[in-house]
N, C-alpha and C. Protein backbone atom coordinates (compact mmCIF):
# COMPACT_ATOMS: atom_id res chain seq x y z
N MET A 1 20.88 25.19 -42.42
CA MET A 1 21.04 25.16 -40.98
C MET A 1 19.71 24.95 -40.28
N MET A 2 18.66 25.55 -40.75
CA MET A 2 17.36 25.45 -40.10
C MET A 2 16.76 24.05 -40.28
N LYS A 3 17.03 23.43 -41.42
CA LYS A 3 16.49 22.09 -41.64
C LYS A 3 17.07 21.10 -40.66
N SER A 4 18.28 21.25 -40.27
CA SER A 4 18.90 20.29 -39.37
C SER A 4 18.41 20.47 -37.93
N LEU A 5 17.90 21.65 -37.58
CA LEU A 5 17.40 21.89 -36.23
C LEU A 5 15.91 21.59 -36.08
N ALA A 6 15.21 21.38 -37.17
CA ALA A 6 13.77 21.14 -37.10
C ALA A 6 13.44 19.87 -36.30
N PRO A 7 14.12 18.75 -36.52
CA PRO A 7 13.79 17.56 -35.71
C PRO A 7 14.05 17.77 -34.22
N VAL A 8 15.07 18.53 -33.88
CA VAL A 8 15.37 18.80 -32.48
C VAL A 8 14.24 19.62 -31.86
N ALA A 9 13.76 20.62 -32.59
CA ALA A 9 12.67 21.46 -32.09
C ALA A 9 11.39 20.65 -31.95
N LEU A 10 11.12 19.79 -32.94
CA LEU A 10 9.91 18.95 -32.87
C LEU A 10 9.99 17.95 -31.72
N THR A 11 11.16 17.41 -31.50
CA THR A 11 11.34 16.48 -30.39
C THR A 11 11.14 17.18 -29.06
N GLY A 12 11.67 18.38 -28.94
CA GLY A 12 11.48 19.16 -27.72
C GLY A 12 10.02 19.52 -27.50
N LEU A 13 9.34 19.91 -28.55
CA LEU A 13 7.93 20.25 -28.46
C LEU A 13 7.09 19.03 -28.09
N ALA A 14 7.38 17.90 -28.72
CA ALA A 14 6.66 16.66 -28.38
C ALA A 14 6.93 16.26 -26.94
N GLY A 15 8.16 16.44 -26.50
CA GLY A 15 8.49 16.13 -25.10
C GLY A 15 7.71 16.99 -24.12
N VAL A 16 7.59 18.27 -24.42
CA VAL A 16 6.85 19.18 -23.54
C VAL A 16 5.38 18.79 -23.51
N ILE A 17 4.81 18.48 -24.66
CA ILE A 17 3.40 18.08 -24.73
C ILE A 17 3.18 16.78 -23.95
N LEU A 18 4.04 15.80 -24.15
CA LEU A 18 3.91 14.54 -23.42
C LEU A 18 4.07 14.75 -21.92
N TRP A 19 4.97 15.63 -21.53
CA TRP A 19 5.18 15.92 -20.11
C TRP A 19 3.92 16.50 -19.48
N LYS A 20 3.26 17.43 -20.18
CA LYS A 20 2.03 18.03 -19.67
C LYS A 20 0.91 16.99 -19.60
N VAL A 21 0.80 16.13 -20.60
CA VAL A 21 -0.22 15.08 -20.59
C VAL A 21 0.02 14.12 -19.43
N LEU A 22 1.27 13.74 -19.21
CA LEU A 22 1.59 12.84 -18.09
C LEU A 22 1.32 13.49 -16.75
N GLN A 23 1.57 14.78 -16.62
CA GLN A 23 1.26 15.47 -15.37
C GLN A 23 -0.24 15.42 -15.08
N ILE A 24 -1.06 15.58 -16.12
CA ILE A 24 -2.51 15.54 -15.95
C ILE A 24 -2.97 14.13 -15.60
N LEU A 25 -2.40 13.13 -16.26
CA LEU A 25 -2.83 11.74 -16.05
C LEU A 25 -2.29 11.13 -14.77
N MET A 26 -1.17 11.60 -14.28
CA MET A 26 -0.55 10.95 -13.12
C MET A 26 -1.26 11.26 -11.81
N ALA A 27 -1.93 12.39 -11.69
CA ALA A 27 -2.60 12.73 -10.44
C ALA A 27 -3.63 11.68 -10.05
N PRO A 28 -4.56 11.27 -10.94
CA PRO A 28 -5.51 10.23 -10.54
C PRO A 28 -4.85 8.87 -10.36
N VAL A 29 -3.81 8.60 -11.12
CA VAL A 29 -3.13 7.31 -10.99
C VAL A 29 -2.45 7.22 -9.63
N VAL A 30 -1.79 8.27 -9.21
CA VAL A 30 -1.13 8.28 -7.90
C VAL A 30 -2.17 8.17 -6.79
N ALA A 31 -3.29 8.89 -6.94
CA ALA A 31 -4.35 8.81 -5.93
C ALA A 31 -4.90 7.39 -5.84
N TRP A 32 -5.07 6.74 -6.99
CA TRP A 32 -5.58 5.37 -7.00
C TRP A 32 -4.59 4.42 -6.32
N ILE A 33 -3.33 4.57 -6.62
CA ILE A 33 -2.31 3.70 -6.01
C ILE A 33 -2.27 3.92 -4.50
N LEU A 34 -2.32 5.16 -4.05
CA LEU A 34 -2.33 5.43 -2.62
C LEU A 34 -3.58 4.87 -1.95
N GLY A 35 -4.71 4.92 -2.65
CA GLY A 35 -5.94 4.34 -2.12
C GLY A 35 -5.82 2.83 -1.95
N ILE A 36 -5.25 2.17 -2.93
CA ILE A 36 -5.05 0.72 -2.86
C ILE A 36 -4.10 0.38 -1.71
N LEU A 37 -3.03 1.15 -1.57
CA LEU A 37 -2.09 0.91 -0.47
C LEU A 37 -2.76 1.13 0.89
N ALA A 38 -3.62 2.13 0.99
CA ALA A 38 -4.32 2.38 2.25
C ALA A 38 -5.26 1.24 2.59
N ILE A 39 -5.96 0.72 1.59
CA ILE A 39 -6.85 -0.42 1.82
C ILE A 39 -6.04 -1.64 2.25
N GLY A 40 -4.91 -1.86 1.60
CA GLY A 40 -4.05 -2.99 1.98
C GLY A 40 -3.53 -2.85 3.40
N LEU A 41 -3.18 -1.62 3.79
CA LEU A 41 -2.70 -1.39 5.15
C LEU A 41 -3.80 -1.67 6.17
N LYS A 42 -5.03 -1.25 5.87
CA LYS A 42 -6.14 -1.51 6.78
C LYS A 42 -6.40 -3.00 6.92
N ILE A 43 -6.37 -3.71 5.81
CA ILE A 43 -6.59 -5.16 5.86
C ILE A 43 -5.47 -5.84 6.64
N GLY A 44 -4.23 -5.42 6.38
CA GLY A 44 -3.09 -6.01 7.09
C GLY A 44 -3.16 -5.75 8.59
N LEU A 45 -3.52 -4.53 8.98
CA LEU A 45 -3.65 -4.23 10.40
C LEU A 45 -4.79 -5.01 11.04
N ALA A 46 -5.89 -5.17 10.33
CA ALA A 46 -7.02 -5.93 10.86
C ALA A 46 -6.63 -7.39 11.05
N LEU A 47 -5.91 -7.96 10.09
CA LEU A 47 -5.47 -9.35 10.22
C LEU A 47 -4.48 -9.51 11.37
N ALA A 48 -3.56 -8.56 11.50
CA ALA A 48 -2.60 -8.64 12.59
C ALA A 48 -3.32 -8.55 13.93
N PHE A 49 -4.28 -7.66 14.05
CA PHE A 49 -5.05 -7.53 15.29
C PHE A 49 -5.82 -8.81 15.58
N ALA A 50 -6.42 -9.41 14.56
CA ALA A 50 -7.18 -10.65 14.76
C ALA A 50 -6.26 -11.77 15.23
N PHE A 51 -5.08 -11.89 14.65
CA PHE A 51 -4.15 -12.94 15.06
C PHE A 51 -3.65 -12.72 16.49
N VAL A 52 -3.34 -11.47 16.84
CA VAL A 52 -2.90 -11.17 18.20
C VAL A 52 -4.03 -11.46 19.19
N LEU A 53 -5.24 -11.08 18.84
CA LEU A 53 -6.38 -11.36 19.71
C LEU A 53 -6.59 -12.85 19.88
N PHE A 54 -6.51 -13.59 18.80
CA PHE A 54 -6.67 -15.04 18.85
C PHE A 54 -5.58 -15.66 19.72
N TYR A 55 -4.35 -15.23 19.56
CA TYR A 55 -3.25 -15.75 20.35
C TYR A 55 -3.44 -15.43 21.82
N GLY A 56 -3.87 -14.20 22.12
CA GLY A 56 -4.09 -13.80 23.51
C GLY A 56 -5.19 -14.60 24.17
N VAL A 57 -6.31 -14.80 23.48
CA VAL A 57 -7.41 -15.59 24.03
C VAL A 57 -6.96 -17.03 24.26
N ARG A 58 -6.24 -17.57 23.31
CA ARG A 58 -5.76 -18.95 23.44
C ARG A 58 -4.80 -19.08 24.63
N ARG A 59 -3.94 -18.09 24.80
CA ARG A 59 -2.97 -18.13 25.90
C ARG A 59 -3.67 -18.02 27.25
N VAL A 60 -4.67 -17.13 27.34
CA VAL A 60 -5.42 -16.99 28.59
C VAL A 60 -6.17 -18.27 28.92
N MET A 61 -6.78 -18.88 27.92
CA MET A 61 -7.53 -20.12 28.17
C MET A 61 -6.58 -21.24 28.61
N ARG A 62 -5.40 -21.31 28.01
CA ARG A 62 -4.43 -22.33 28.43
C ARG A 62 -3.95 -22.06 29.87
N ALA A 63 -3.73 -20.80 30.19
CA ALA A 63 -3.27 -20.46 31.54
C ALA A 63 -4.35 -20.80 32.57
N ARG A 64 -5.61 -20.53 32.24
CA ARG A 64 -6.69 -20.89 33.16
C ARG A 64 -6.80 -22.39 33.34
N ALA A 65 -6.68 -23.12 32.22
CA ALA A 65 -6.76 -24.58 32.31
C ALA A 65 -5.59 -25.13 33.12
N GLN A 66 -4.41 -24.55 32.91
CA GLN A 66 -3.23 -24.97 33.66
C GLN A 66 -3.42 -24.66 35.16
N GLY A 67 -3.98 -23.52 35.47
CA GLY A 67 -4.21 -23.12 36.85
C GLY A 67 -5.21 -24.02 37.53
N GLU A 68 -6.25 -24.40 36.80
CA GLU A 68 -7.26 -25.28 37.37
C GLU A 68 -6.70 -26.68 37.62
N SER A 69 -5.87 -27.16 36.71
CA SER A 69 -5.29 -28.50 36.89
C SER A 69 -4.28 -28.50 38.03
N ASP A 70 -3.57 -27.37 38.23
CA ASP A 70 -2.63 -27.27 39.35
C ASP A 70 -3.37 -27.21 40.68
N ALA A 71 -4.54 -26.55 40.67
CA ALA A 71 -5.31 -26.41 41.91
C ALA A 71 -5.90 -27.75 42.32
N GLU A 72 -6.26 -28.59 41.35
CA GLU A 72 -6.84 -29.91 41.67
C GLU A 72 -5.79 -30.86 42.21
N ALA A 73 -4.58 -30.72 41.73
CA ALA A 73 -3.52 -31.67 42.12
C ALA A 73 -2.92 -31.39 43.46
């Protein structure tokens, strides 16, 4: 009876050991992934801000040019 339960016990013990090792290793991995996501968010927000700024400046310049041409006519 004991021989048949030995693989089950060893599998459970190996599972517990692997679980503890993964818990130790996952903390820096999760921190690294969150850091990469934060950098990506900052870059994305900066690009969005640059595009909105560019569009706004372009729109203002077109409106001024349109206003000047209307005033001349």
